[in-house]
C-alpha atoms as a PDB file:
ATOM      1  CA  VAL A   1      19.539  88.143  -9.128  1.00  0.00           C
ATOM      2  CA  GLU A   2      18.984  91.208  -7.164  1.00  0.00           C
ATOM      3  CA  TYR A   3      15.203  91.387  -4.795  1.00  0.00           C
ATOM      4  CA  LEU A   4      13.556  94.583  -5.893  1.00  0.00           C
ATOM      5  CA  TYR A   5      10.392  93.597  -6.393  1.00  0.00           C
ATOM      6  CA  GLU A   6       8.980  95.962  -4.105  1.00  0.00           C
ATOM      7  CA  SER A   7      11.501  99.051  -5.191  1.00  0.00           C
ATOM      8  CA  LEU A   8       9.920 101.984  -7.840  1.00  0.00           C
ATOM      9  CA  PRO A   9      10.801 101.876 -11.220  1.00  0.00           C
ATOM     10  CA  GLN A  10      14.335 103.969 -11.252  1.00  0.00           C
ATOM     11  CA  GLU A  11      15.097 102.461  -7.971  1.00  0.00           C
ATOM     12  CA  ALA A  12      15.255  99.443  -9.433  1.00  0.00           C
ATOM     13  CA  ALA A  13      16.956 100.214 -12.252  1.00  0.00           C
ATOM     14  CA  GLN A  14      19.740 102.526 -10.510  1.00  0.00           C
ATOM     15  CA  ALA A  15      19.966  99.305  -8.321  1.00  0.00           C
ATOM     16  CA  ILE A  16      20.214  96.399 -11.432  1.00  0.00           C
ATOM     17  CA  LYS A  17      22.902  99.059 -13.345  1.00  0.00           C
ATOM     18  CA  SER A  18      25.052  98.953  -9.975  1.00  0.00           C
ATOM     19  CA  ARG A  19      25.082  95.327  -9.231  1.00  0.00           C
ATOM     20  CA  GLN A  20      25.744  94.927 -13.521  1.00  0.00           C
ATOM     21  CA  ASN A  21      29.524  97.780 -12.883  1.00  0.00           C
ATOM     22  CA  LEU A  22      30.536  95.523  -9.522  1.00  0.00           C
ATOM     23  CA  LEU A  23      30.274  92.364 -11.568  1.00  0.00           C
ATOM     24  CA  GLN A  24      31.777  93.840 -14.833  1.00  0.00           C
ATOM     25  CA  GLU A  25      34.968  94.917 -12.101  1.00  0.00           C
ATOM     26  CA  LEU A  26      34.568  91.089 -10.700  1.00  0.00           C
ATOM     27  CA  ILE A  27      34.547  90.236 -14.429  1.00  0.00           C
ATOM     28  CA  LEU A  28      37.869  92.170 -15.413  1.00  0.00           C
ATOM     29  CA  THR A  29      39.489  90.140 -12.502  1.00  0.00           C
ATOM     30  CA  LEU A  30      39.449  87.141 -14.240  1.00  0.00           C
ATOM     31  CA  LYS A  31      42.416  85.459 -15.574  1.00  0.00           C
ATOM     32  CA  PRO A  32      43.845  83.830 -17.723  1.00  0.00           C
ATOM     33  CA  PRO A  33      41.843  87.001 -19.527  1.00  0.00           C
ATOM     34  CA  GLU A  34      40.494  84.686 -22.426  1.00  0.00           C
ATOM     35  CA  VAL A  35      37.505  83.622 -19.807  1.00  0.00           C
ATOM     36  CA  ARG A  36      36.025  87.260 -19.571  1.00  0.00           C
ATOM     37  CA  GLU A  37      34.648  86.796 -22.836  1.00  0.00           C
ATOM     38  CA  ILE A  38      32.480  83.959 -21.870  1.00  0.00           C
ATOM     39  CA  VAL A  39      30.984  85.414 -18.797  1.00  0.00           C
ATOM     40  CA  HIS A  40      27.590  87.042 -19.284  1.00  0.00           C
ATOM     41  CA  PRO A  41      26.294  88.262 -15.843  1.00  0.00           C
ATOM     42  CA  ILE A  42      22.282  88.472 -15.550  1.00  0.00           C
ATOM     43  CA  VAL A  43      20.461  90.812 -13.003  1.00  0.00           C
ATOM     44  CA  ARG A  44      17.043  90.453 -12.834  1.00  0.00           C
ATOM     45  CA  VAL A  45      14.191  91.983 -10.340  1.00  0.00           C
ATOM     46  CA  CYS A  46      12.265  89.640  -8.509  1.00  0.00           C
ATOM     47  CA  GLY A  47      10.077  88.713  -5.376  1.00  0.00           C
ATOM     48  CA  ASP A  48      11.426  85.079  -5.336  1.00  0.00           C
ATOM     49  CA  ILE A  49      14.851  84.456  -5.801  1.00  0.00           C
ATOM     50  CA  ALA A  50      15.249  81.006  -5.634  1.00  0.00           C
ATOM     51  CA  SER A  51      12.488  80.354  -8.554  1.00  0.00           C
ATOM     52  CA  THR A  52      13.789  82.779 -10.533  1.00  0.00           C
ATOM     53  CA  THR A  53      17.161  81.361 -10.250  1.00  0.00           C
ATOM     54  CA  VAL A  54      15.905  78.040 -11.267  1.00  0.00           C
ATOM     55  CA  ALA A  55      13.693  79.472 -14.100  1.00  0.00           C
ATOM     56  CA  ILE A  56      16.339  81.427 -15.430  1.00  0.00           C
ATOM     57  CA  ALA A  57      19.056  78.192 -15.048  1.00  0.00           C
ATOM     58  CA  LYS A  58      16.657  76.011 -17.412  1.00  0.00           C
ATOM     59  CA  ASN A  59      15.903  78.889 -19.708  1.00  0.00           C
ATOM     60  CA  GLU A  60      19.771  79.463 -20.035  1.00  0.00           C
ATOM     61  CA  ARG A  61      19.663  75.228 -20.649  1.00  0.00           C
ATOM     62  CA  ALA A  62      22.509  75.355 -17.791  1.00  0.00           C
ATOM     63  CA  ASN A  63      23.906  71.814 -16.682  1.00  0.00           C
ATOM     64  CA  LEU A  64      26.150  72.940 -13.657  1.00  0.00           C
ATOM     65  CA  MET A  65      24.498  75.673 -10.993  1.00  0.00           C
ATOM     66  CA  ILE A  66      27.160  76.794  -8.599  1.00  0.00           C
ATOM     67  CA  LEU A  67      26.403  78.250  -5.742  1.00  0.00           C
ATOM     68  CA  GLY A  68      27.878  80.160  -2.680  1.00  0.00           C
ATOM     69  CA  TRP A  69      27.235  79.304   1.356  1.00  0.00           C
ATOM     70  CA  HIS A  70      29.110  80.085   4.817  1.00  0.00           C
ATOM     71  CA  HIS A  71      30.147  77.206   7.008  1.00  0.00           C
ATOM     72  CA  PRO A  72      27.901  78.804  10.261  1.00  0.00           C
ATOM     73  CA  VAL A  73      24.721  78.013   8.644  1.00  0.00           C
ATOM     74  CA  PHE A  74      25.651  74.106   8.822  1.00  0.00           C
ATOM     75  CA  LEU A  75      25.279  74.627  12.735  1.00  0.00           C
ATOM     76  CA  ASN A  76      21.432  75.567  12.281  1.00  0.00           C
ATOM     77  CA  ASN A  77      20.322  71.816  11.424  1.00  0.00           C
ATOM     78  CA  ARG A  78      19.214  72.170   8.009  1.00  0.00           C
ATOM     79  CA  LEU A  79      20.181  73.926   5.303  1.00  0.00           C
ATOM     80  CA  GLY A  80      17.282  76.732   4.863  1.00  0.00           C
ATOM     81  CA  GLY A  81      16.948  79.699   2.480  1.00  0.00           C
ATOM     82  CA  THR A  82      17.230  80.338  -1.038  1.00  0.00           C
ATOM     83  CA  VAL A  83      20.455  77.909  -1.737  1.00  0.00           C
ATOM     84  CA  GLY A  84      18.128  75.449   0.084  1.00  0.00           C
ATOM     85  CA  GLN A  85      15.417  76.205  -1.986  1.00  0.00           C
ATOM     86  CA  ILE A  86      17.110  75.941  -4.994  1.00  0.00           C
ATOM     87  CA  LEU A  87      19.024  72.774  -4.539  1.00  0.00           C
ATOM     88  CA  ASN A  88      15.536  70.818  -3.558  1.00  0.00           C
ATOM     89  CA  SER A  89      13.415  72.375  -7.156  1.00  0.00           C
ATOM     90  CA  ALA A  90      16.349  72.874  -9.230  1.00  0.00           C
ATOM     91  CA  THR A  91      16.582  70.681 -12.394  1.00  0.00           C
ATOM     92  CA  THR A  92      20.389  70.315 -13.404  1.00  0.00           C
ATOM     93  CA  ASP A  93      23.531  69.393 -11.261  1.00  0.00           C
ATOM     94  CA  ILE A  94      24.530  71.835  -7.828  1.00  0.00           C
ATOM     95  CA  ALA A  95      27.205  72.729  -6.366  1.00  0.00           C
ATOM     96  CA  ILE A  96      27.334  74.472  -3.132  1.00  0.00           C
ATOM     97  CA  TYR A  97      31.225  76.114  -2.433  1.00  0.00           C
ATOM     98  CA  PHE A  98      31.860  77.760   0.966  1.00  0.00           C
ATOM     99  CA  GLU A  99      35.327  78.021   2.669  1.00  0.00           C
ATOM    100  CA  SER A 100      37.494  76.518   5.316  1.00  0.00           C
ATOM    101  CA  HIS A 101      36.577  77.904   8.912  1.00  0.00           C
ATOM    102  CA  GLN A 102      40.896  78.354   8.000  1.00  0.00           C
ATOM    103  CA  GLN A 103      40.112  80.762   5.032  1.00  0.00           C
ATOM    104  CA  GLU A 104      37.263  82.781   7.185  1.00  0.00           C
ATOM    105  CA  ASP A 105      39.445  83.102   9.981  1.00  0.00           C
ATOM    106  CA  ASN A 106      42.565  84.692   7.758  1.00  0.00           C
ATOM    107  CA  GLY A 107      40.101  86.766   5.779  1.00  0.00           C
ATOM    108  CA  ASP A 108      42.157  84.774   2.696  1.00  0.00           C
ATOM    109  CA  ARG A 109      39.492  84.718  -0.005  1.00  0.00           C
ATOM    110  CA  GLY A 110      41.738  85.860  -2.789  1.00  0.00           C
ATOM    111  CA  ASP A 111      44.070  82.546  -3.435  1.00  0.00           C
ATOM    112  CA  LEU A 112      41.344  80.290  -5.572  1.00  0.00           C
ATOM    113  CA  SER A 113      43.871  78.269  -7.039  1.00  0.00           C
ATOM    114  CA  PHE A 114      42.705  74.673  -5.850  1.00  0.00           C
ATOM    115  CA  ASN A 115      46.488  72.802  -6.931  1.00  0.00           C
ATOM    116  CA  ASN A 116      45.675  70.301  -4.321  1.00  0.00           C
ATOM    117  CA  LEU A 117      42.048  68.689  -4.621  1.00  0.00           C
ATOM    118  CA  LEU A 118      40.378  66.235  -2.697  1.00  0.00           C
ATOM    119  CA  VAL A 119      37.551  63.451  -3.546  1.00  0.00           C
ATOM    120  CA  PRO A 120      35.451  61.180  -1.442  1.00  0.00           C
ATOM    121  CA  TYR A 121      34.037  58.574  -3.541  1.00  0.00           C
ATOM    122  CA  ALA A 122      31.868  55.840  -2.736  1.00  0.00           C
ATOM    123  CA  GLY A 123      30.368  55.301  -5.559  1.00  0.00           C
ATOM    124  CA  ASN A 124      27.313  56.648  -5.886  1.00  0.00           C
ATOM    125  CA  ILE A 125      25.719  59.292  -8.508  1.00  0.00           C
ATOM    126  CA  HIS A 126      26.405  62.221  -6.284  1.00  0.00           C
ATOM    127  CA  ASP A 127      29.991  61.206  -5.765  1.00  0.00           C
ATOM    128  CA  HIS A 128      30.657  60.466  -9.165  1.00  0.00           C
ATOM    129  CA  LEU A 129      29.321  64.071 -10.391  1.00  0.00           C
ATOM    130  CA  ALA A 130      31.926  65.282  -7.352  1.00  0.00           C
ATOM    131  CA  LEU A 131      34.802  63.268  -9.789  1.00  0.00           C
ATOM    132  CA  GLU A 132      33.982  64.679 -12.693  1.00  0.00           C
ATOM    133  CA  LEU A 133      34.022  68.520 -11.616  1.00  0.00           C
ATOM    134  CA  ALA A 134      37.525  67.467 -10.187  1.00  0.00           C
ATOM    135  CA  ILE A 135      38.662  66.262 -13.306  1.00  0.00           C
ATOM    136  CA  ARG A 136      37.305  69.413 -15.560  1.00  0.00           C
ATOM    137  CA  LEU A 137      38.966  71.001 -12.801  1.00  0.00           C
ATOM    138  CA  LEU A 138      42.684  69.211 -14.058  1.00  0.00           C
ATOM    139  CA  LEU A 139      41.741  69.518 -17.668  1.00  0.00           C
ATOM    140  CA  ASN A 140      41.598  73.626 -16.809  1.00  0.00           C
ATOM    141  CA  HIS A 141      44.667  73.476 -14.214  1.00  0.00           C
ATOM    142  CA  PRO A 142      48.064  71.920 -15.412  1.00  0.00           C
ATOM    143  CA  SER A 143      49.545  72.705 -12.512  1.00  0.00           C
ATOM    144  CA  SER A 144      46.754  70.742 -10.533  1.00  0.00           C
ATOM    145  CA  ASN A 145      46.857  67.399  -8.705  1.00  0.00           C
ATOM    146  CA  LEU A 146      43.669  65.166  -7.462  1.00  0.00           C
ATOM    147  CA  ARG A 147      43.268  62.334  -4.628  1.00  0.00           C
ATOM    148  CA  ILE A 148      40.711  60.091  -4.475  1.00  0.00           C
ATOM    149  CA  LEU A 149      39.684  58.176  -1.156  1.00  0.00           C
ATOM    150  CA  ARG A 150      37.663  55.408  -2.111  1.00  0.00           C
ATOM    151  CA  VAL A 151      35.730  53.960   0.243  1.00  0.00           C
ATOM    152  CA  ALA A 152      35.290  50.480  -0.043  1.00  0.00           C
ATOM    153  CA  LYS A 153      33.916  47.623   2.546  1.00  0.00           C
ATOM    154  CA  ASP A 154      36.844  45.187   3.224  1.00  0.00           C
ATOM    155  CA  ILE A 155      39.162  47.243   1.148  1.00  0.00           C
ATOM    156  CA  LYS A 156      37.696  45.757  -1.947  1.00  0.00           C
ATOM    157  CA  PRO A 157      35.245  48.042  -3.915  1.00  0.00           C
ATOM    158  CA  SER A 158      31.917  46.463  -5.212  1.00  0.00           C
ATOM    159  CA  VAL A 159      31.485  45.275  -8.808  1.00  0.00           C
ATOM    160  CA  LEU A 160      29.415  47.996  -9.701  1.00  0.00           C
ATOM    161  CA  GLN A 161      31.128  51.090  -7.755  1.00  0.00           C
ATOM    162  CA  SER A 162      34.904  49.477  -9.557  1.00  0.00           C
ATOM    163  CA  ARG A 163      33.253  49.749 -13.541  1.00  0.00           C
ATOM    164  CA  SER A 164      31.772  53.054 -13.058  1.00  0.00           C
ATOM    165  CA  PHE A 165      34.990  54.649 -11.356  1.00  0.00           C
ATOM    166  CA  MET A 166      37.512  52.897 -14.169  1.00  0.00           C
ATOM    167  CA  GLN A 167      35.152  53.582 -17.423  1.00  0.00           C
ATOM    168  CA  THR A 168      35.683  57.536 -16.095  1.00  0.00           C
ATOM    169  CA  LEU A 169      39.506  57.110 -15.598  1.00  0.00           C
ATOM    170  CA  GLU A 170      40.465  55.078 -18.707  1.00  0.00           C
ATOM    171  CA  LEU A 171      38.687  58.059 -20.985  1.00  0.00           C
ATOM    172  CA  LEU A 172      41.470  60.188 -19.745  1.00  0.00           C
ATOM    173  CA  PRO A 173      44.899  61.042 -21.551  1.00  0.00           C
ATOM    174  CA  PRO A 174      48.328  60.675 -19.884  1.00  0.00           C
ATOM    175  CA  GLN A 175      48.381  64.419 -19.131  1.00  0.00           C
ATOM    176  CA  ILE A 176      45.244  63.918 -16.570  1.00  0.00           C
ATOM    177  CA  SER A 177      45.326  60.507 -15.010  1.00  0.00           C
ATOM    178  CA  ASP A 178      49.212  61.140 -14.268  1.00  0.00           C
ATOM    179  CA  ARG A 179      48.796  63.185 -11.674  1.00  0.00           C
ATOM    180  CA  ILE A 180      45.564  61.628  -9.991  1.00  0.00           C
ATOM    181  CA  LYS A 181      46.943  59.225  -6.864  1.00  0.00           C
ATOM    182  CA  ILE A 182      43.506  56.695  -5.147  1.00  0.00           C
ATOM    183  CA  SER A 183      43.557  55.377  -1.709  1.00  0.00           C
ATOM    184  CA  LEU A 184      41.739  52.980   0.185  1.00  0.00           C
ATOM    185  CA  VAL A 185      39.780  53.475   3.402  1.00  0.00           C
ATOM    186  CA  SER A 186      37.608  51.251   4.791  1.00  0.00           C
ATOM    187  CA  ASN A 187      36.068  51.962   8.017  1.00  0.00           C
ATOM    188  CA  ASP A 188      35.781  55.244   9.542  1.00  0.00           C
ATOM    189  CA  ALA A 189      35.457  57.043   6.301  1.00  0.00           C
ATOM    190  CA  ILE A 190      34.721  60.703   7.346  1.00  0.00           C
ATOM    191  CA  ASP A 191      37.382  61.096   9.805  1.00  0.00           C
ATOM    192  CA  ALA A 192      39.695  59.752   6.796  1.00  0.00           C
ATOM    193  CA  VAL A 193      38.810  62.635   4.675  1.00  0.00           C
ATOM    194  CA  ILE A 194      38.783  65.368   6.895  1.00  0.00           C
ATOM    195  CA  GLU A 195      42.779  64.254   7.723  1.00  0.00           C
ATOM    196  CA  ALA A 196      43.089  64.490   3.972  1.00  0.00           C
ATOM    197  CA  SER A 197      41.873  67.821   3.930  1.00  0.00           C
ATOM    198  CA  GLN A 198      44.486  69.024   6.152  1.00  0.00           C
ATOM    199  CA  THR A 199      46.744  69.085   2.508  1.00  0.00           C
ATOM    200  CA  ALA A 200      43.995  69.652   0.203  1.00  0.00           C
ATOM    201  CA  ASP A 201      42.424  73.263  -1.674  1.00  0.00           C
ATOM    202  CA  LEU A 202      39.589  72.107  -2.281  1.00  0.00           C
ATOM    203  CA  THR A 203      37.348  68.891  -1.242  1.00  0.00           C
ATOM    204  CA  ILE A 204      34.506  67.705  -3.764  1.00  0.00           C
ATOM    205  CA  ALA A 205      32.356  65.320  -1.659  1.00  0.00           C
ATOM    206  CA  GLY A 206      28.893  64.076  -3.002  1.00  0.00           C
ATOM    207  CA  VAL A 207      25.745  64.737  -0.837  1.00  0.00           C
ATOM    208  CA  SER A 208      25.009  61.076   0.574  1.00  0.00           C
ATOM    209  CA  ARG A 209      25.140  59.514   4.086  1.00  0.00           C
ATOM    210  CA  GLU A 210      28.240  57.755   3.600  1.00  0.00           C
ATOM    211  CA  TRP A 211      29.670  61.753   3.912  1.00  0.00           C
ATOM    212  CA  GLY A 212      27.113  62.746   6.589  1.00  0.00           C
ATOM    213  CA  LEU A 213      26.333  65.381   3.838  1.00  0.00           C
ATOM    214  CA  GLU A 214      22.144  64.917   3.851  1.00  0.00           C
ATOM    215  CA  ARG A 215      20.467  66.502   1.239  1.00  0.00           C
ATOM    216  CA  ARG A 216      17.387  67.851   2.942  1.00  0.00           C
ATOM    217  CA  THR A 217      18.648  68.770   6.599  1.00  0.00           C
ATOM    218  CA  PHE A 218      22.927  69.736   6.489  1.00  0.00           C
ATOM    219  CA  GLY A 219      22.492  69.149  10.145  1.00  0.00           C
ATOM    220  CA  LYS A 220      24.947  69.815  12.963  1.00  0.00           C
ATOM    221  CA  TYR A 221      24.870  66.631  13.719  1.00  0.00           C
ATOM    222  CA  THR A 222      25.143  64.659  10.136  1.00  0.00           C
ATOM    223  CA  ASP A 223      26.980  66.967   8.455  1.00  0.00           C
ATOM    224  CA  ARG A 224      30.666  65.961  10.425  1.00  0.00           C
ATOM    225  CA  LEU A 225      32.459  66.629   6.918  1.00  0.00           C
ATOM    226  CA  ALA A 226      30.611  69.876   6.067  1.00  0.00           C
ATOM    227  CA  VAL A 227      31.755  71.240   9.604  1.00  0.00           C
ATOM    228  CA  LYS A 228      35.336  69.788  10.057  1.00  0.00           C
ATOM    229  CA  CYS A 229      36.644  70.018   6.709  1.00  0.00           C
ATOM    230  CA  GLN A 230      39.572  72.003   6.602  1.00  0.00           C
ATOM    231  CA  SER A 231      39.669  73.244   2.961  1.00  0.00           C
ATOM    232  CA  ALA A 232      37.974  74.817   1.049  1.00  0.00           C
ATOM    233  CA  MET A 233      34.929  72.572  -0.282  1.00  0.00           C
ATOM    234  CA  LEU A 234      32.078  71.692  -3.222  1.00  0.00           C
ATOM    235  CA  ILE A 235      29.048  69.681  -2.724  1.00  0.00           C
ATOM    236  CA  ALA A 236      28.016  67.989  -5.808  1.00  0.00           C
ATOM    237  CA  ARG A 237      24.483  67.076  -6.078  1.00  0.00           C
ATOM    238  CA  LYS A 238      23.848  64.991  -9.414  1.00  0.00           C
ATOM    239  CA  HIS A 239      20.299  65.536 -11.258  1.00  0.00           C
ATOM    240  CA  LYS A 240      19.180  62.064 -12.337  1.00  0.00           C
ATOM    241  CA  LEU A 241      18.428  64.085 -16.081  1.00  0.00           C
ATOM    242  CA  ALA A 242      21.542  65.678 -16.011  1.00  0.00           C
ATOM    243  CA  PRO A 243      24.249  64.950 -18.606  1.00  0.00           C
ATOM    244  CA  SER A 244      27.992  63.874 -18.446  1.00  0.00           C
ATOM    245  CA  HIS A 245      29.933  67.077 -17.530  1.00  0.00           C
ATOM    246  CA  LEU A 246      32.756  65.010 -19.674  1.00  0.00           C
ATOM    247  CA  ALA A 247      31.663  63.615 -22.554  1.00  0.00           C
ATOM    248  CA  GLY A 248      32.815  66.462 -24.288  1.00  0.00           C
ATOM    249  CA  ILE A 249      35.219  68.190 -22.801  1.00  0.00           C
ATOM    250  CA  LEU A 250      37.407  64.531 -23.051  1.00  0.00           C
ATOM    251  CA  ALA A 251      36.580  64.455 -26.751  1.00  0.00           C
ATOM    252  CA  GLU A 252      38.541  68.080 -27.575  1.00  0.00           C
ATOM    253  CA  VAL A 253      41.175  66.564 -25.724  1.00  0.00           C
ATOM    254  CA  LYS A 254      41.620  63.619 -27.283  1.00  0.00           C
ATOM    255  CA  ASP A 255      41.372  65.746 -30.815  1.00  0.00           C
ATOM    256  CA  GLU A 256      44.122  67.708 -30.115  1.00  0.00           C
ATOM    257  CA  GLN A 257      46.148  65.047 -29.152  1.00  0.00           C
ATOM    258  CA  PHE A 258      46.010  64.616 -32.767  1.00  0.00           C
ATOM    259  CA  ILE A 259      46.590  67.611 -34.408  1.00  0.00           C
END
């Protein structure tokens, strides 16, 4: 979404054309080449980027929005600006992506292979969205592996948490489930995730107090995982009305097994 509300019509048209060209160049770099045909860039002139983005997602019936962010912002005690406004007003699932300090320091922004995925899972709806997103990445990348850190009191997950968790895993075909490793942690869960992130390419965590990720504040005192995570990270926020991200895809995988 391009902010050009006060620009002259000719200036706005030129800027929109320039942004469309940049997006088209980016699309041509996507691999495998087949995915380029299903990417449709949208550029709009607006006076409020957040509300316009939310409106576009609603009109396009999007079931997931992925937003980009940067580590330094987490040092300001709250996630404000455009991303914060979208996070608090969108009626769809949201994932916020940002790079690790190591990636930023090394300028390593071109490698998005994400072969090693990490999901901390305590059983709330945001964690479940994180798990679904990780499984989708496994479905699309046969070389990827997933490590799940399950948080449980006294090394025993709750019955409700176990039921939801196991129902999801039972739907997976062997070519997916064989690439998933599950570990249990009970104490110092955030420290365990930070340590595990050292060997991960991408950590996907739900917005919840278990991970010190407050939906509205994202401050330096509570968001220890966001600040200290050693890998790239997706912070997942589940909207209560959004559908599952796995049902249709898993059905297609099962159909392919019988072809």
